[in-house]
Amino acid sequence: MSSKYDVIVVGAGLAGLRAAGVLEARGLSVVILEKRATVGGRMASHRVDGFVLDEGFQLINPAYPELIATGVLDDFDLRSFEPSVRFVRGDSSITLADPRHSPTAALASLWSRDVSLADEMRAVRLFAHCGLGSAQNILAQRDTTIIAGLQRYGFSSAMIEGVWRPFLRGTLLEDDLNSSWLYAQLLLRSFFKGRPGTHPEGIAALPRALAAQLRTTSVHLDEEVISIAGTTVQTTEGEYRGRAVILATDPTDAICLIKGDDVPWLGQTTWWLSLPKDYGLSSLQIDVLAQPFTSALEITAVAPERAPANSVLVAVPANGVFESSEFDRLAVGYAARLYGTRVADISLIEKSVVSRALPKLRFPLTFPNVQRRGDLVYGGDYLQTPSIQGALVSGRRAAFEVLTMLGS
């Protein structure tokens, strides 16, 4: 026996949830089919001994326009981190801060021997250009590499290697900074306009909140799609017939369902550590010289609910996949140096190894005009930008493509 809907959405990640929300608002009947036991796709969290751990190091930036458009942030307990970054190099350190939020820290950095006043002024000019201008104006530029873009702004080698590379490599999950300068500017724009944060229930709280907004859409979890033929979808539980189908899974997962191309992926490993005391440091900590680790962040400085009472949760991410236990020891040492504590007082809670953390960014940055092949409409951040913003935009565009197809 088959079930009939206007639109069948395969995948309950951000793109699928966004598409469903747009479609049901237009009065269409929608079903979401998800093989996992929860919504969210790559945005997942779980509990270990009272700690709330994400699958990978993920923060939420409330400035993303598409995230704002969903309305999900209106009643969302987002805890924002300090808009500053502490860079450590050997025995010295410097904290670069947004003067709008931390004027004292921003003023102190002007007298640092590690960053020249000229570089500071160039950074202010760059942030103003990204934050005060429109995204359309940024995208209207000709793309180049991030390194070339920073050099064109006149930044010194010391600033690029000591500040920009350590900061951006962790944000982009790439070390060489040879990807899109346009996308890097869009990221800087989002940092200018919003303060990234976390939820007491982890990153999984965001897709759960999006799913909770759905009123008429049926969400079927633990139901794997076996085949797609036109607008008929066969699952482990039965058959679904629709007027349109949106495939909102990762392309790697979709290969077994349809003929298509995979995309290159960037991996990430995150060490979740328990430290001996509450440091109250809600800013990002970066040891410039200690690769492969990109940073450390005290999660419980803003969300103490993510750890048992009197416990401190710190995340230490690195670009790539690091299975060896040797890196576990190095990660603990990394955190010990940054927080000034003993290695013996730090416990490893869990290591999260994610081989498909983000789709690799296209260079030069381009966006497909249509997310459709034949009868099938596609959704996913790999079609836009590898971000929450990109996933949500892709979902909305997939929904509009379906509405055009159906004449709705």
Protein backbone atom coordinates (compact mmCIF):
# COMPACT_ATOMS: atom_id res chain seq x y z
CA MET A 1 0.00 0.00 0.00
CA SER A 2 1.39 3.41 -0.94
CA SER A 3 1.01 6.81 0.72
CA LYS A 4 0.43 9.94 -1.34
CA TYR A 5 1.81 13.42 -0.71
CA ASP A 6 2.41 16.49 -2.80
CA VAL A 7 6.14 16.46 -2.01
CA ILE A 8 8.44 13.77 -0.64
CA VAL A 9 11.61 15.07 1.03
CA VAL A 10 14.42 12.56 1.48
CA GLY A 11 16.66 13.64 4.35
CA ALA A 12 15.90 15.56 7.56
CA GLY A 13 18.98 17.76 7.64
CA LEU A 14 18.74 21.54 7.59
CA ALA A 15 18.08 21.66 3.84
CA GLY A 16 15.24 19.14 4.03
CA LEU A 17 13.66 20.79 7.06
CA ARG A 18 13.85 24.23 5.46
CA ALA A 19 12.33 22.96 2.22
CA ALA A 20 9.47 21.31 4.11
CA GLY A 21 8.77 24.48 6.05
CA VAL A 22 8.50 26.59 2.90
CA LEU A 23 6.32 24.03 1.14
CA GLU A 24 3.84 23.46 3.96
CA ALA A 25 3.47 27.23 4.32
CA ARG A 26 2.18 27.17 0.72
CA GLY A 27 -0.41 24.56 1.67
CA LEU A 28 1.29 21.48 0.21
CA SER A 29 1.26 18.09 1.92
CA VAL A 30 4.83 17.02 2.70
CA VAL A 31 6.52 13.97 4.17
CA ILE A 32 10.17 13.81 5.28
CA LEU A 33 11.90 10.43 5.19
CA GLU A 34 15.01 10.08 7.36
CA LYS A 35 17.07 6.94 7.89
CA ARG A 36 18.48 8.14 11.22
CA ALA A 37 16.67 8.12 14.53
CA THR A 38 16.85 11.91 14.80
CA VAL A 39 16.59 14.96 12.58
CA GLY A 40 19.64 17.08 11.79
CA GLY A 41 21.91 15.05 9.55
CA ARG A 42 25.51 16.07 10.33
CA MET A 43 24.26 18.33 13.13
CA ALA A 44 24.08 15.76 15.90
CA SER A 45 24.75 15.68 19.64
CA HIS A 46 24.78 12.99 22.29
CA ARG A 47 25.44 12.55 26.02
CA VAL A 48 28.45 10.87 27.59
CA ASP A 49 28.61 10.69 31.40
CA GLY A 50 26.53 13.84 31.74
CA PHE A 51 28.44 15.82 29.08
CA VAL A 52 26.62 17.03 25.94
CA LEU A 53 28.99 16.47 23.02
CA ASP A 54 28.51 17.44 19.39
CA GLU A 55 29.61 15.28 16.49
CA GLY A 56 32.37 17.64 15.47
CA PHE A 57 33.08 21.21 16.54
CA GLN A 58 30.06 23.27 15.50
CA LEU A 59 28.81 26.71 16.52
CA ILE A 60 25.72 28.67 15.49
CA ASN A 61 26.04 32.20 14.10
CA PRO A 62 22.75 34.09 14.65
CA ALA A 63 23.62 36.59 11.90
CA TYR A 64 23.00 34.17 9.03
CA PRO A 65 20.16 35.82 7.05
CA GLU A 66 18.45 32.54 6.16
CA LEU A 67 18.57 31.37 9.77
CA ILE A 68 16.93 34.63 10.82
CA ALA A 69 14.30 34.19 8.10
CA THR A 70 13.18 30.86 9.56
CA GLY A 71 12.15 32.58 12.79
CA VAL A 72 13.64 29.70 14.78
CA LEU A 73 15.90 32.01 16.79
CA ASP A 74 12.95 33.87 18.31
CA ASP A 75 12.64 31.27 21.06
CA PHE A 76 16.06 29.63 20.95
CA ASP A 77 18.41 29.61 23.95
CA LEU A 78 21.60 30.55 22.11
CA ARG A 79 24.53 31.28 24.40
CA SER A 80 27.02 33.54 22.63
CA PHE A 81 30.77 33.41 23.11
CA GLU A 82 33.00 36.42 23.60
CA PRO A 83 33.80 38.06 20.22
CA SER A 84 37.53 37.81 20.73
CA VAL A 85 40.38 35.44 19.96
CA ARG A 86 43.49 34.88 22.06
CA PHE A 87 46.52 33.96 19.97
CA VAL A 88 49.41 32.28 21.78
CA ARG A 89 52.90 32.04 20.34
CA GLY A 90 55.45 30.53 22.70
CA ASP A 91 55.58 32.67 25.84
CA SER A 92 53.65 35.60 24.38
CA SER A 93 50.00 36.09 23.57
CA ILE A 94 47.67 38.67 22.12
CA THR A 95 43.90 39.00 22.30
CA LEU A 96 42.15 40.52 19.30
CA ALA A 97 38.64 41.66 20.13
CA ASP A 98 35.68 43.39 18.57
CA PRO A 99 35.88 46.95 19.97
CA ARG A 100 32.08 47.21 19.96
CA HIS A 101 31.88 44.48 22.61
CA SER A 102 35.33 44.50 24.25
CA PRO A 103 36.80 48.02 23.96
CA THR A 104 39.44 47.41 26.66
CA ALA A 105 40.81 44.27 25.00
CA ALA A 106 40.70 45.92 21.58
CA LEU A 107 42.59 48.94 22.88
CA ALA A 108 45.22 46.77 24.57
CA SER A 109 45.97 45.00 21.30
CA LEU A 110 47.05 48.29 19.73
CA TRP A 111 50.20 48.19 21.86
CA SER A 112 51.04 44.61 21.06
CA ARG A 113 54.44 43.85 19.59
CA ASP A 114 52.91 40.92 17.69
CA VAL A 115 50.50 42.96 15.54
CA SER A 116 51.40 46.31 14.03
CA LEU A 117 49.09 49.30 14.20
CA ALA A 118 48.99 49.31 10.39
CA ASP A 119 47.76 45.72 10.32
CA GLU A 120 45.17 46.51 12.98
CA MET A 121 43.84 49.36 10.87
CA ARG A 122 43.74 47.15 7.79
CA ALA A 123 41.74 44.59 9.77
CA VAL A 124 39.25 47.27 10.84
CA ARG A 125 38.91 48.36 7.22
CA LEU A 126 38.38 44.79 6.05
CA PHE A 127 35.72 44.05 8.69
CA ALA A 128 33.97 47.32 7.90
CA HIS A 129 33.97 46.47 4.19
CA CYS A 130 32.53 43.02 4.84
CA GLY A 131 30.12 43.96 7.61
CA LEU A 132 28.72 47.24 6.35
CA GLY A 133 28.50 46.35 2.67
CA SER A 134 26.01 43.95 1.17
CA ALA A 135 26.59 40.29 0.45
CA GLN A 136 25.65 41.01 -3.17
CA ASN A 137 28.50 43.52 -3.47
CA ILE A 138 30.94 40.98 -2.07
CA LEU A 139 29.80 38.31 -4.52
CA ALA A 140 30.01 40.79 -7.42
CA GLN A 141 33.80 40.83 -7.06
CA ARG A 142 36.09 38.55 -9.02
CA ASP A 143 37.13 35.65 -6.84
CA THR A 144 40.70 34.93 -5.85
CA THR A 145 42.40 32.85 -3.16
CA ILE A 146 42.19 33.90 0.47
CA ILE A 147 45.95 34.39 0.62
CA ALA A 148 45.88 36.64 -2.45
CA GLY A 149 42.92 38.59 -1.04
CA LEU A 150 44.71 39.25 2.27
CA GLN A 151 47.87 40.29 0.45
CA ARG A 152 45.87 42.64 -1.75
CA TYR A 153 44.61 44.32 1.43
CA GLY A 154 48.24 44.97 2.35
CA PHE A 155 48.49 42.69 5.39
CA SER A 156 52.02 41.83 6.42
CA SER A 157 53.29 38.26 6.33
CA ALA A 158 53.41 38.32 10.13
CA MET A 159 49.71 39.20 10.31
CA ILE A 160 48.70 36.63 7.73
CA GLU A 161 50.68 33.79 9.27
CA GLY A 162 50.23 34.80 12.90
CA VAL A 163 46.55 35.79 12.90
CA TRP A 164 44.60 35.22 9.71
CA ARG A 165 45.81 31.73 8.86
CA PRO A 166 45.41 30.34 12.42
CA PHE A 167 41.92 31.82 12.66
CA LEU A 168 40.58 30.99 9.20
CA ARG A 169 42.02 27.47 8.98
CA GLY A 170 39.80 26.40 11.86
CA THR A 171 36.76 28.14 10.43
CA LEU A 172 37.17 26.73 6.92
CA LEU A 173 38.63 23.34 7.93
CA GLU A 174 41.51 23.85 5.52
CA ASP A 175 45.13 24.76 6.13
CA ASP A 176 46.40 26.25 2.87
CA LEU A 177 43.85 29.12 2.50
CA ASN A 178 43.79 28.63 -1.26
CA SER A 179 40.01 28.52 -1.46
CA SER A 180 37.50 31.31 -2.09
CA TRP A 181 38.26 34.84 -0.91
CA LEU A 182 34.62 35.74 -1.59
CA TYR A 183 33.43 33.11 0.86
CA ALA A 184 36.00 34.20 3.44
CA GLN A 185 34.57 37.72 3.22
CA LEU A 186 31.05 36.37 3.70
CA LEU A 187 32.27 34.58 6.83
CA LEU A 188 33.86 37.77 8.14
CA ARG A 189 30.58 39.52 7.44
CA SER A 190 28.73 37.00 9.60
CA PHE A 191 31.28 37.45 12.42
CA PHE A 192 30.87 41.22 12.18
CA LYS A 193 27.09 40.98 12.48
CA GLY A 194 26.70 38.12 14.95
CA ARG A 195 28.33 36.37 17.88
CA PRO A 196 28.56 32.59 17.37
CA GLY A 197 27.25 30.51 20.22
CA THR A 198 25.99 27.17 21.43
CA HIS A 199 22.81 25.77 22.94
CA PRO A 200 22.62 23.96 26.30
CA GLU A 201 21.51 20.84 24.37
CA GLY A 202 24.27 21.10 21.78
CA ILE A 203 24.15 21.66 18.04
CA ALA A 204 21.32 19.14 17.63
CA ALA A 205 18.97 21.65 19.27
CA LEU A 206 18.87 23.70 16.07
CA PRO A 207 17.43 21.07 13.68
CA ARG A 208 15.09 19.92 16.46
CA ALA A 209 13.79 23.46 16.76
CA LEU A 210 13.30 23.69 12.99
CA ALA A 211 11.42 20.38 13.02
CA ALA A 212 9.23 21.63 15.88
CA GLN A 213 8.09 24.51 13.66
CA LEU A 214 6.50 22.09 11.20
CA ARG A 215 2.77 21.79 11.68
CA THR A 216 1.42 19.58 8.89
CA THR A 217 4.56 17.86 7.60
CA SER A 218 4.94 14.18 8.51
CA VAL A 219 8.46 13.33 9.68
CA HIS A 220 9.31 9.62 9.48
CA LEU A 221 12.50 8.68 11.33
CA ASP A 222 14.35 5.36 11.22
CA GLU A 223 13.01 4.84 7.71
CA GLU A 224 15.64 4.32 5.03
CA VAL A 225 14.97 5.06 1.38
CA ILE A 226 15.78 2.09 -0.86
CA SER A 227 15.01 3.51 -4.29
CA ILE A 228 13.66 6.52 -6.15
CA ALA A 229 11.88 6.08 -9.47
CA GLY A 230 10.45 9.30 -10.85
CA THR A 231 8.24 10.62 -8.07
CA THR A 232 7.84 7.25 -6.36
CA VAL A 233 9.99 6.50 -3.34
CA GLN A 234 10.43 3.03 -1.84
CA THR A 235 11.58 2.73 1.77
CA THR A 236 12.13 -0.04 4.29
CA GLU A 237 8.57 0.60 5.50
CA GLY A 238 6.61 1.04 2.28
CA GLU A 239 6.02 3.07 -0.85
CA TYR A 240 5.37 6.79 -1.22
CA ARG A 241 4.00 8.54 -4.26
CA GLY A 242 4.28 12.27 -4.75
CA ARG A 243 4.00 15.03 -7.29
CA ALA A 244 7.65 15.95 -6.64
CA VAL A 245 10.68 14.61 -4.76
CA ILE A 246 13.47 16.58 -3.07
CA LEU A 247 16.69 14.69 -2.39
CA ALA A 248 18.19 16.55 0.56
CA THR A 249 20.90 14.11 1.59
CA ASP A 250 24.67 14.37 1.24
CA PRO A 251 25.71 13.43 -2.29
CA THR A 252 27.79 10.57 -0.86
CA ASP A 253 24.65 9.05 0.67
CA ALA A 254 22.66 9.72 -2.49
CA ILE A 255 24.97 7.74 -4.80
CA CYS A 256 23.30 4.47 -3.81
CA LEU A 257 19.91 5.93 -4.80
CA ILE A 258 20.56 7.83 -8.03
CA LYS A 259 23.29 8.28 -10.58
CA GLY A 260 25.35 11.28 -9.62
CA ASP A 261 28.72 12.63 -8.63
CA ASP A 262 30.18 12.72 -5.17
CA VAL A 263 31.91 15.81 -3.80
CA PRO A 264 35.25 16.06 -2.00
CA TRP A 265 34.94 16.25 1.77
CA LEU A 266 36.92 17.89 4.56
CA GLY A 267 37.38 15.91 7.76
CA GLN A 268 37.59 17.11 11.34
CA THR A 269 38.58 15.55 14.64
CA THR A 270 37.44 17.04 17.95
CA TRP A 271 38.74 16.10 21.38
CA TRP A 272 36.21 16.69 24.16
CA LEU A 273 38.08 17.28 27.39
CA SER A 274 37.17 17.73 31.03
CA LEU A 275 39.33 20.33 32.79
CA PRO A 276 39.78 20.72 36.56
CA LYS A 277 38.22 24.15 37.06
CA ASP A 278 36.00 26.81 35.54
CA TYR A 279 38.24 29.36 33.79
CA GLY A 280 35.39 31.58 32.64
CA LEU A 281 37.11 32.12 29.28
CA SER A 282 34.45 32.30 26.61
CA SER A 283 36.82 33.47 23.89
CA LEU A 284 38.51 31.23 21.35
CA GLN A 285 42.04 30.14 22.29
CA ILE A 286 44.57 29.45 19.51
CA ASP A 287 48.15 28.23 19.87
CA VAL A 288 49.62 29.51 16.61
CA LEU A 289 52.49 27.01 16.54
CA ALA A 290 50.66 23.84 17.61
CA GLN A 291 49.30 22.08 14.55
CA PRO A 292 47.20 20.12 13.72
CA PHE A 293 44.98 21.62 16.41
CA THR A 294 43.10 24.73 15.36
CA SER A 295 41.77 26.07 18.67
CA ALA A 296 40.32 25.37 22.08
CA LEU A 297 37.01 26.62 23.44
CA GLU A 298 35.56 26.39 26.94
CA ILE A 299 31.99 25.38 26.12
CA THR A 300 30.75 25.53 29.71
CA ALA A 301 31.83 29.16 30.04
CA VAL A 302 28.51 30.02 28.39
CA ALA A 303 26.58 26.73 28.64
CA PRO A 304 27.33 25.04 31.99
CA GLU A 305 24.40 22.71 31.33
CA ARG A 306 26.57 20.83 28.85
CA ALA A 307 28.56 19.26 31.69
CA PRO A 308 27.83 17.68 35.06
CA ALA A 309 27.90 19.97 38.10
CA ASN A 310 31.35 21.35 38.90
CA SER A 311 32.74 20.04 35.58
CA VAL A 312 34.26 21.99 32.70
CA LEU A 313 33.92 21.02 29.05
CA VAL A 314 36.54 22.14 26.52
CA ALA A 315 36.58 21.34 22.80
CA VAL A 316 39.86 21.01 20.91
CA PRO A 317 39.30 20.58 17.14
CA ALA A 318 41.78 19.77 14.36
CA ASN A 319 41.50 19.68 10.60
CA GLY A 320 41.60 16.13 9.29
CA VAL A 321 41.06 12.62 10.61
CA PHE A 322 43.31 11.55 13.51
CA GLU A 323 42.59 8.05 14.71
CA SER A 324 45.91 7.47 16.50
CA SER A 325 45.89 7.70 20.29
CA GLU A 326 49.16 9.62 20.05
CA PHE A 327 47.14 12.68 19.06
CA ASP A 328 44.94 12.22 22.12
CA ARG A 329 47.97 12.89 24.30
CA LEU A 330 48.96 15.90 22.18
CA ALA A 331 45.44 17.35 22.37
CA VAL A 332 45.48 17.16 26.16
CA GLY A 333 48.86 18.90 26.18
CA TYR A 334 47.52 21.58 23.85
CA ALA A 335 44.67 22.38 26.24
CA ALA A 336 46.98 22.28 29.26
CA ARG A 337 49.25 24.95 27.73
CA LEU A 338 46.40 27.23 26.73
CA TYR A 339 44.58 27.05 30.06
CA GLY A 340 47.66 26.88 32.28
CA THR A 341 46.87 23.61 34.01
CA ARG A 342 48.50 20.22 34.49
CA VAL A 343 48.16 17.49 31.91
CA ALA A 344 47.39 15.05 34.71
CA ASP A 345 44.30 17.07 35.66
CA ILE A 346 42.69 16.81 32.21
CA SER A 347 40.50 13.88 31.19
CA LEU A 348 39.59 12.86 27.65
CA ILE A 349 35.82 12.33 27.53
CA GLU A 350 35.56 11.36 23.88
CA LYS A 351 37.18 11.90 20.50
CA SER A 352 34.83 12.75 17.65
CA VAL A 353 36.22 11.76 14.24
CA VAL A 354 34.12 13.05 11.35
CA SER A 355 35.43 12.18 7.90
CA ARG A 356 32.62 14.14 6.21
CA ALA A 357 32.49 17.29 8.30
CA LEU A 358 32.06 19.78 5.45
CA PRO A 359 31.91 19.56 1.66
CA LYS A 360 35.02 21.15 0.19
CA LEU A 361 34.40 24.71 -0.90
CA ARG A 362 34.33 25.33 -4.64
CA PHE A 363 36.90 27.71 -6.12
CA PRO A 364 36.11 30.03 -7.67
CA LEU A 365 32.87 30.30 -5.72
CA THR A 366 29.88 29.55 -7.93
CA PHE A 367 26.26 28.62 -7.32
CA PRO A 368 24.09 26.42 -9.56
CA ASN A 369 21.22 28.26 -11.22
CA VAL A 370 18.90 25.27 -10.82
CA GLN A 371 19.01 22.47 -8.24
CA ARG A 372 17.25 19.99 -10.46
CA ARG A 373 17.98 16.98 -12.67
CA GLY A 374 14.96 15.64 -14.51
CA ASP A 375 12.16 15.03 -12.04
CA LEU A 376 14.45 15.22 -9.02
CA VAL A 377 15.17 18.39 -7.06
CA TYR A 378 18.29 18.55 -4.90
CA GLY A 379 19.07 20.25 -1.61
CA GLY A 380 22.19 20.49 0.56
CA ASP A 381 24.98 22.81 1.60
CA TYR A 382 27.28 21.32 -1.05
CA LEU A 383 25.18 23.24 -3.60
CA GLN A 384 25.66 26.60 -1.88
CA THR A 385 28.23 27.22 0.84
CA PRO A 386 29.38 24.66 3.46
CA SER A 387 27.52 26.28 6.33
CA ILE A 388 24.21 26.54 8.14
CA GLN A 389 23.40 29.45 5.85
CA GLY A 390 24.21 27.42 2.75
CA ALA A 391 22.12 24.44 3.81
CA LEU A 392 19.08 26.58 4.61
CA VAL A 393 19.34 28.61 1.40
CA SER A 394 19.60 25.41 -0.60
CA GLY A 395 16.49 24.04 1.08
CA ARG A 396 14.51 27.18 0.31
CA ARG A 397 15.66 27.17 -3.31
CA ALA A 398 14.70 23.51 -3.65
CA ALA A 399 11.23 24.34 -2.34
CA PHE A 400 10.83 27.21 -4.83
CA GLU A 401 11.93 24.92 -7.65
CA VAL A 402 9.21 22.44 -6.66
CA LEU A 403 6.61 25.21 -6.45
CA THR A 404 7.54 26.28 -9.98
CA MET A 405 7.32 22.68 -11.22
CA LEU A 406 3.89 22.20 -9.68
CA GLY A 407 2.59 25.63 -10.64
CA SER A 408 1.82 26.41 -6.99
